[in-house]
């Protein structure tokens, strides 16, 4: 009789996972390599042959996950952000397992609290639920789990996998995912260590299965939260509680502290500058980049000023000629890439009550980026170009 392993990792399942991976990866990212020095574009040279070889390794029990290739990306604040990249084969295998598990265990993970990385729900549904609850319970306690993915105790997650995922034939593979580590070397050791990433602890981000497994760890927490009669919305490690008064907010904070301590996690203490905050009815509370703000007696969803600024900056980051050329972007593709980034943001914030404001700000940023590229990058005198020429270049105000 076929096992869950056989079903999840059939040739057809691997082929579907590969097709999904290829279509969802932006062209500019298809040359990113894993520790085997192979990229998605390399795999695409002979996809059928590569999939056959991958399936044979799995069927024979010879398949093993590789280390994760680290990419340290400088941030505007001078710090660095770590991106962990699995090999293409590892991404395909994890993608196939994720497709199987996320479908089969959708009802197990689904509840009234969690909205992150679960089929059928997402940021939009989480934000709408938070707005609905705040219109009935105006006080807010907002928090997040401290260094969530990097702090996950592996023994606790191993126990949760055994408890939640009943398909034992997949357990060895899932435990191996849990053990995947970054490929350290002398050049990156100090930088990675400074980010608080320690071998043997945590679940590395960048792997397709990481978000699913993080939800598996928190199944018990979500169920206890339901029973505690607290109104809350969770999206991965972000939590917002909607309460009747400040006393209830502090009860929610104690609940989180006590429950997370049971699985080796924590939340920040409430205080100035902390990610744990209590908001009174008249104060806007930010959640998932959106504001729950009072407007004419009702709470509305708005993209916050900080989030709009971040989106604008992400578009303006494409205004440096040397940088865009180094990414393989040319005059032929820049307008399409800018428009795609703008539309991606707009799609994520389509339910905002200030959607038009967001659209205007991003369109201005898009035009500004093009003006910088054409003006400073190519030396074109923008002021001398007529209305038709400006429309042709995509910089009509």
Protein backbone atom coordinates (compact mmCIF):
# COMPACT_ATOMS: atom_id res chain seq x y z
CA UNK A 1 0.00 0.00 0.00
CA UNK A 2 1.29 3.47 -0.91
CA UNK A 3 2.47 5.56 2.04
CA UNK A 4 2.12 9.32 2.53
CA UNK A 5 5.79 9.55 1.50
CA UNK A 6 4.98 7.85 -1.82
CA UNK A 7 1.99 10.13 -2.46
CA UNK A 8 3.65 13.36 -1.41
CA UNK A 9 6.82 12.68 -3.39
CA UNK A 10 5.56 10.95 -6.51
CA UNK A 11 7.07 12.04 -9.82
CA UNK A 12 3.87 13.95 -10.57
CA UNK A 13 3.98 15.74 -7.20
CA UNK A 14 7.62 16.71 -7.76
CA UNK A 15 6.80 17.92 -11.26
CA UNK A 16 3.95 20.06 -9.92
CA UNK A 17 6.18 21.49 -7.21
CA UNK A 18 8.85 22.34 -9.80
CA UNK A 19 6.30 24.07 -12.04
CA UNK A 20 5.04 26.11 -9.10
CA UNK A 21 8.57 27.02 -7.99
CA UNK A 22 9.59 28.13 -11.49
CA UNK A 23 6.46 30.21 -12.10
CA UNK A 24 6.54 31.92 -8.71
CA UNK A 25 10.24 32.81 -8.81
CA UNK A 26 10.93 36.17 -10.41
CA UNK A 27 13.22 35.97 -13.47
CA UNK A 28 15.81 38.09 -11.67
CA UNK A 29 16.03 35.47 -8.87
CA UNK A 30 16.28 32.37 -11.07
CA UNK A 31 20.07 32.63 -11.17
CA UNK A 32 20.44 32.49 -7.37
CA UNK A 33 22.48 29.41 -6.47
CA UNK A 34 22.42 27.02 -3.53
CA UNK A 35 25.41 25.29 -1.95
CA UNK A 36 25.61 23.00 -4.99
CA UNK A 37 26.21 26.05 -7.22
CA UNK A 38 23.07 25.24 -9.22
CA UNK A 39 20.28 27.73 -9.97
CA UNK A 40 16.69 27.41 -11.13
CA UNK A 41 17.86 28.33 -14.63
CA UNK A 42 20.42 25.50 -14.46
CA UNK A 43 17.67 23.05 -13.43
CA UNK A 44 15.50 24.31 -16.29
CA UNK A 45 18.06 23.17 -18.89
CA UNK A 46 16.90 19.56 -18.35
CA UNK A 47 13.92 19.64 -15.97
CA UNK A 48 12.60 16.17 -16.83
CA UNK A 49 15.97 14.48 -16.38
CA UNK A 50 16.60 16.37 -13.13
CA UNK A 51 13.18 15.41 -11.77
CA UNK A 52 13.69 11.75 -12.68
CA UNK A 53 17.04 11.73 -10.84
CA UNK A 54 15.49 13.46 -7.83
CA UNK A 55 12.63 10.96 -7.72
CA UNK A 56 15.06 8.03 -7.88
CA UNK A 57 17.07 9.40 -4.95
CA UNK A 58 13.89 9.72 -2.89
CA UNK A 59 12.59 6.27 -3.86
CA UNK A 60 15.90 4.60 -3.00
CA UNK A 61 16.23 6.39 0.34
CA UNK A 62 19.43 8.12 -0.77
CA UNK A 63 18.05 11.65 -0.75
CA UNK A 64 19.48 14.02 1.87
CA UNK A 65 18.87 17.74 2.34
CA UNK A 66 21.86 20.01 1.80
CA UNK A 67 23.01 22.95 3.89
CA UNK A 68 21.47 26.35 3.22
CA UNK A 69 23.51 28.90 1.30
CA UNK A 70 23.61 32.19 3.25
CA UNK A 71 23.23 35.58 1.58
CA UNK A 72 23.87 38.55 3.89
CA UNK A 73 22.05 41.61 2.57
CA UNK A 74 22.98 45.07 3.97
CA UNK A 75 20.06 47.02 5.45
CA UNK A 76 19.64 50.79 5.48
CA UNK A 77 20.31 50.87 9.25
CA UNK A 78 23.78 49.37 8.76
CA UNK A 79 22.78 45.91 9.94
CA UNK A 80 22.50 42.82 7.75
CA UNK A 81 19.62 40.55 6.86
CA UNK A 82 20.21 36.85 6.30
CA UNK A 83 18.54 35.04 3.43
CA UNK A 84 18.93 31.24 3.54
CA UNK A 85 18.67 29.57 0.13
CA UNK A 86 18.12 25.80 -0.19
CA UNK A 87 19.26 23.94 -3.30
CA UNK A 88 16.71 23.75 -6.11
CA UNK A 89 16.18 20.03 -5.47
CA UNK A 90 15.56 20.68 -1.78
CA UNK A 91 13.06 23.39 -2.61
CA UNK A 92 11.19 21.04 -4.93
CA UNK A 93 11.06 18.25 -2.35
CA UNK A 94 9.92 20.60 0.41
CA UNK A 95 7.40 22.20 -1.93
CA UNK A 96 5.88 18.82 -2.79
CA UNK A 97 5.66 17.83 0.89
CA UNK A 98 4.16 21.24 1.72
CA UNK A 99 1.49 20.83 -0.96
CA UNK A 100 0.54 17.45 0.52
CA UNK A 101 0.55 18.50 4.18
CA UNK A 102 -1.07 21.92 3.79
CA UNK A 103 -4.00 20.29 1.99
CA UNK A 104 -4.38 17.24 4.23
CA UNK A 105 -3.94 19.14 7.52
CA UNK A 106 -5.74 22.37 6.59
CA UNK A 107 -8.58 21.61 9.01
CA UNK A 108 -6.16 20.71 11.80
CA UNK A 109 -4.35 24.05 11.52
CA UNK A 110 -7.42 26.15 10.78
CA UNK A 111 -9.00 27.94 13.73
CA UNK A 112 -10.48 31.30 14.64
CA UNK A 113 -7.08 32.69 15.69
CA UNK A 114 -4.42 31.81 13.11
CA UNK A 115 -4.37 33.30 9.60
CA UNK A 116 -0.75 32.93 8.47
CA UNK A 117 0.38 30.26 5.98
CA UNK A 118 -2.92 28.38 6.05
CA UNK A 119 -4.85 27.59 2.87
CA UNK A 120 -7.78 29.88 2.22
CA UNK A 121 -6.74 32.69 4.57
CA UNK A 122 -4.04 35.34 4.66
CA UNK A 123 -3.17 38.93 5.54
CA UNK A 124 -6.42 40.33 4.15
CA UNK A 125 -8.60 37.99 6.22
CA UNK A 126 -6.46 38.56 9.33
CA UNK A 127 -6.76 42.34 9.02
CA UNK A 128 -10.51 42.22 8.40
CA UNK A 129 -11.00 39.96 11.42
CA UNK A 130 -8.96 42.34 13.60
CA UNK A 131 -11.09 45.29 12.42
CA UNK A 132 -14.31 43.37 13.10
CA UNK A 133 -13.15 42.52 16.61
CA UNK A 134 -11.92 46.03 17.43
CA UNK A 135 -15.29 47.50 16.54
CA UNK A 136 -16.64 45.39 19.43
CA UNK A 137 -13.59 45.40 21.73
CA UNK A 138 -11.75 48.75 21.36
CA UNK A 139 -8.67 48.17 23.56
CA UNK A 140 -5.69 46.50 21.89
CA UNK A 141 -2.75 44.48 23.14
CA UNK A 142 -0.24 43.93 20.35
CA UNK A 143 2.89 41.80 20.59
CA UNK A 144 5.10 39.35 18.75
CA UNK A 145 7.15 36.31 19.64
CA UNK A 146 10.75 37.31 20.27
CA UNK A 147 13.09 36.07 17.49
CA UNK A 148 10.47 33.46 16.73
CA UNK A 149 12.00 31.28 14.00
CA UNK A 150 15.54 31.52 15.40
CA UNK A 151 14.36 30.67 18.94
CA UNK A 152 12.16 27.65 18.22
CA UNK A 153 13.32 24.76 20.46
CA UNK A 154 13.78 21.81 18.14
CA UNK A 155 12.78 19.22 20.72
CA UNK A 156 9.45 21.01 21.19
CA UNK A 157 8.85 21.18 17.44
CA UNK A 158 9.83 17.51 17.03
CA UNK A 159 7.20 16.57 19.64
CA UNK A 160 4.61 18.78 17.92
CA UNK A 161 5.29 17.15 14.54
CA UNK A 162 4.81 13.69 16.06
CA UNK A 163 1.58 14.85 17.70
CA UNK A 164 0.02 16.73 14.76
CA UNK A 165 1.35 15.02 11.62
CA UNK A 166 0.03 11.47 11.72
CA UNK A 167 1.78 10.36 8.52
CA UNK A 168 4.81 8.73 10.10
CA UNK A 169 6.46 7.92 6.78
CA UNK A 170 7.11 11.67 6.41
CA UNK A 171 8.57 12.15 9.90
CA UNK A 172 12.24 11.43 9.03
CA UNK A 173 12.09 13.96 6.21
CA UNK A 174 10.44 16.60 8.43
CA UNK A 175 12.96 16.05 11.21
CA UNK A 176 15.75 16.46 8.66
CA UNK A 177 14.24 19.78 7.54
CA UNK A 178 14.25 20.88 11.15
CA UNK A 179 17.97 20.08 11.38
CA UNK A 180 19.01 22.01 8.25
CA UNK A 181 21.73 24.54 9.02
CA UNK A 182 23.39 27.45 7.28
CA UNK A 183 26.66 26.72 5.48
CA UNK A 184 29.13 28.61 7.65
CA UNK A 185 32.57 29.77 6.60
CA UNK A 186 35.25 32.06 8.03
CA UNK A 187 33.84 35.06 6.14
CA UNK A 188 30.23 34.80 7.35
CA UNK A 189 30.59 33.19 10.79
CA UNK A 190 30.71 36.41 12.83
CA UNK A 191 27.91 38.12 10.87
CA UNK A 192 25.55 35.16 11.21
CA UNK A 193 26.39 34.73 14.88
CA UNK A 194 25.65 38.43 15.47
CA UNK A 195 22.12 37.85 14.14
CA UNK A 196 21.50 35.41 17.01
CA UNK A 197 21.41 32.31 14.81
CA UNK A 198 22.85 29.34 16.67
CA UNK A 199 23.41 25.81 15.31
CA UNK A 200 21.03 23.33 16.91
CA UNK A 201 18.39 25.93 17.73
CA UNK A 202 15.62 27.44 15.66
CA UNK A 203 14.02 26.76 12.31
CA UNK A 204 15.80 28.36 9.37
CA UNK A 205 13.73 30.76 7.31
CA UNK A 206 13.82 30.48 3.53
CA UNK A 207 12.82 26.82 3.46
CA UNK A 208 9.35 26.18 1.97
CA UNK A 209 8.30 24.06 4.95
CA UNK A 210 9.38 26.51 7.70
CA UNK A 211 6.09 28.50 7.90
CA UNK A 212 3.99 25.32 7.96
CA UNK A 213 6.12 23.76 10.70
CA UNK A 214 5.96 26.96 12.77
CA UNK A 215 2.15 26.65 12.73
CA UNK A 216 2.43 23.02 13.80
CA UNK A 217 4.39 24.17 16.87
CA UNK A 218 1.66 26.66 17.81
CA UNK A 219 -1.39 24.41 17.37
CA UNK A 220 -1.69 23.92 21.15
CA UNK A 221 -1.27 27.64 21.82
CA UNK A 222 -4.06 28.52 19.39
CA UNK A 223 -6.42 25.96 20.96
CA UNK A 224 -5.69 27.21 24.49
CA UNK A 225 -6.25 30.77 23.31
CA UNK A 226 -9.68 29.78 21.99
CA UNK A 227 -10.57 28.26 25.37
CA UNK A 228 -9.29 31.29 27.29
CA UNK A 229 -12.11 33.43 25.82
CA UNK A 230 -9.64 36.02 24.57
CA UNK A 231 -10.32 37.67 21.22
CA UNK A 232 -7.17 37.50 19.14
CA UNK A 233 -5.70 37.26 15.66
CA UNK A 234 -2.34 35.60 14.97
CA UNK A 235 -0.33 35.77 11.78
CA UNK A 236 2.83 33.69 12.28
CA UNK A 237 4.60 35.43 15.19
CA UNK A 238 2.48 38.63 15.13
CA UNK A 239 -0.39 38.74 17.62
CA UNK A 240 -3.12 41.25 18.32
CA UNK A 241 -5.69 40.96 21.12
CA UNK A 242 -8.90 42.97 21.08
CA UNK A 243 -10.12 43.65 24.60
CA UNK A 244 -12.80 45.41 26.63
CA UNK A 245 -10.35 47.34 28.83
CA UNK A 246 -6.73 47.61 29.93
CA UNK A 247 -7.15 44.90 32.58
CA UNK A 248 -8.08 42.40 29.90
CA UNK A 249 -5.08 43.54 27.82
CA UNK A 250 -2.76 42.74 30.69
CA UNK A 251 -4.47 39.37 31.16
CA UNK A 252 -3.73 38.65 27.48
CA UNK A 253 -0.08 39.60 28.04
CA UNK A 254 0.18 37.23 31.02
CA UNK A 255 -1.50 34.47 29.05
CA UNK A 256 1.05 34.80 26.22
CA UNK A 257 3.99 34.93 28.59
CA UNK A 258 2.88 31.81 30.47
CA UNK A 259 1.88 29.77 27.41
CA UNK A 260 4.96 30.58 25.34
CA UNK A 261 7.23 29.81 28.30
CA UNK A 262 5.90 26.23 28.15
CA UNK A 263 7.49 25.81 24.69
CA UNK A 264 10.64 27.84 25.28
CA UNK A 265 9.46 31.07 23.65
CA UNK A 266 8.80 34.58 24.94
CA UNK A 267 7.30 37.98 24.16
CA UNK A 268 8.77 41.41 25.00
CA UNK A 269 7.71 43.17 28.16
CA UNK A 270 5.21 46.01 27.76
CA UNK A 271 6.97 49.37 27.72
CA UNK A 272 8.07 52.39 25.68
CA UNK A 273 9.63 51.34 22.38
CA UNK A 274 8.69 47.69 22.96
CA UNK A 275 6.92 45.52 20.40
CA UNK A 276 4.44 44.76 23.17
CA UNK A 277 2.04 47.68 23.46
CA UNK A 278 -1.41 48.50 24.83
CA UNK A 279 -3.54 50.88 22.76
CA UNK A 280 -6.53 52.78 24.13
CA UNK A 281 -9.71 53.16 22.05
CA UNK A 282 -8.70 56.46 20.42
CA UNK A 283 -5.19 55.29 19.47
CA UNK A 284 -4.32 53.76 16.11
CA UNK A 285 -2.85 50.26 16.42
CA UNK A 286 -0.60 48.85 13.72
CA UNK A 287 -0.94 45.21 12.69
CA UNK A 288 0.62 43.54 9.65
CA UNK A 289 1.60 46.94 8.23
CA UNK A 290 -1.94 48.24 8.57
CA UNK A 291 -3.50 50.65 11.03
CA UNK A 292 -6.68 49.96 12.93
CA UNK A 293 -7.77 53.57 13.30
CA UNK A 294 -10.91 55.26 14.60
CA UNK A 295 -12.79 57.20 11.92
CA UNK A 296 -16.25 58.71 12.54
CA UNK A 297 -17.02 56.28 15.32
CA UNK A 298 -15.88 53.13 13.52
CA UNK A 299 -12.52 51.44 13.14
CA UNK A 300 -11.09 51.33 9.63
CA UNK A 301 -8.11 49.64 8.03
CA UNK A 302 -5.42 51.91 6.65
CA UNK A 303 -1.94 51.39 5.32
CA UNK A 304 0.16 53.19 7.92
CA UNK A 305 2.43 56.10 7.03
CA UNK A 306 5.46 53.98 7.95
CA UNK A 307 4.30 51.16 5.68
CA UNK A 308 3.60 53.54 2.80
CA UNK A 309 7.09 54.99 3.25
CA UNK A 310 8.60 51.49 3.21
CA UNK A 311 6.75 50.60 0.01
CA UNK A 312 7.80 53.88 -1.62
CA UNK A 313 11.42 53.22 -0.66
CA UNK A 314 11.27 49.68 -2.10
CA UNK A 315 10.30 51.24 -5.43
CA UNK A 316 12.88 54.02 -5.17
CA UNK A 317 15.55 51.39 -4.50
CA UNK A 318 15.23 50.63 -8.23
CA UNK A 319 16.41 54.11 -9.20
CA UNK A 320 20.16 53.45 -9.02
CA UNK A 321 21.50 52.72 -12.52
CA UNK A 322 24.47 50.60 -11.46
CA UNK A 323 22.35 48.61 -9.06
CA UNK A 324 19.58 47.80 -11.54
CA UNK A 325 22.10 46.83 -14.23
CA UNK A 326 23.85 44.50 -11.75
CA UNK A 327 20.47 42.81 -11.22
CA UNK A 328 20.09 42.15 -14.93
CA UNK A 329 17.47 44.87 -15.42
CA UNK A 330 17.55 46.82 -18.67
CA UNK A 331 15.64 49.68 -20.32
CA UNK A 332 13.43 47.03 -21.91
CA UNK A 333 12.31 45.63 -18.56
CA UNK A 334 12.54 48.44 -15.99
CA UNK A 335 9.00 49.80 -16.52
CA UNK A 336 7.53 46.31 -16.25
CA UNK A 337 9.46 45.55 -13.07
CA UNK A 338 8.49 48.83 -11.42
CA UNK A 339 4.84 48.34 -12.37
CA UNK A 340 4.91 44.77 -11.10
CA UNK A 341 6.32 45.87 -7.73
CA UNK A 342 3.73 48.66 -7.48
CA UNK A 343 0.85 46.34 -8.40
CA UNK A 344 2.09 43.71 -5.94
CA UNK A 345 1.91 46.23 -3.11
CA UNK A 346 -1.50 47.48 -4.24
CA UNK A 347 -2.81 43.92 -4.37
CA UNK A 348 -1.69 43.35 -0.79
CA UNK A 349 -3.47 46.50 0.39
CA UNK A 350 -6.56 46.31 -1.79
CA UNK A 351 -8.87 46.16 1.25
CA UNK A 352 -7.46 49.32 2.84
CA UNK A 353 -9.80 52.25 3.30
CA UNK A 354 -6.98 54.54 2.07
CA UNK A 355 -6.21 52.44 -1.02
CA UNK A 356 -6.32 55.50 -3.30
CA UNK A 357 -3.75 57.28 -1.12
CA UNK A 358 -1.47 54.24 -1.34
CA UNK A 359 -1.90 54.03 -5.11
CA UNK A 360 -1.07 57.73 -5.53
CA UNK A 361 2.05 57.49 -3.33
CA UNK A 362 3.37 54.43 -5.17
CA UNK A 363 2.69 55.89 -8.59
CA UNK A 364 4.63 59.02 -7.57
CA UNK A 365 7.52 56.82 -6.38
CA UNK A 366 7.47 54.90 -9.65
CA UNK A 367 7.66 58.13 -11.70
CA UNK A 368 10.39 59.48 -9.41
CA UNK A 369 12.46 56.30 -9.87
CA UNK A 370 12.20 56.58 -13.66
CA UNK A 371 13.10 60.26 -13.61
CA UNK A 372 16.24 59.52 -11.61
CA UNK A 373 17.21 56.68 -13.96
CA UNK A 374 16.64 58.74 -17.11
CA UNK A 375 17.94 62.01 -15.69
CA UNK A 376 20.89 61.09 -13.49
CA UNK A 377 21.57 57.67 -15.01
CA UNK A 378 21.30 58.49 -18.71
CA UNK A 379 21.88 62.24 -18.56
CA UNK A 380 18.53 63.11 -20.18
CA UNK A 381 17.22 66.59 -19.47
CA UNK A 382 13.71 65.68 -18.33
CA UNK A 383 12.53 69.31 -18.37
CA UNK A 384 13.06 69.54 -22.14
CA UNK A 385 10.88 66.54 -22.92
CA UNK A 386 7.32 67.28 -24.07
CA UNK A 387 4.12 65.68 -22.85
CA UNK A 388 4.13 62.96 -25.52
CA UNK A 389 7.76 62.06 -24.81
CA UNK A 390 7.09 61.94 -21.05
CA UNK A 391 4.12 59.66 -21.61
CA UNK A 392 6.27 57.43 -23.83
CA UNK A 393 8.89 57.15 -21.05
CA UNK A 394 6.22 56.49 -18.42
CA UNK A 395 6.97 59.66 -16.44
CA UNK A 396 3.84 61.68 -17.15
CA UNK A 397 2.83 63.37 -13.89
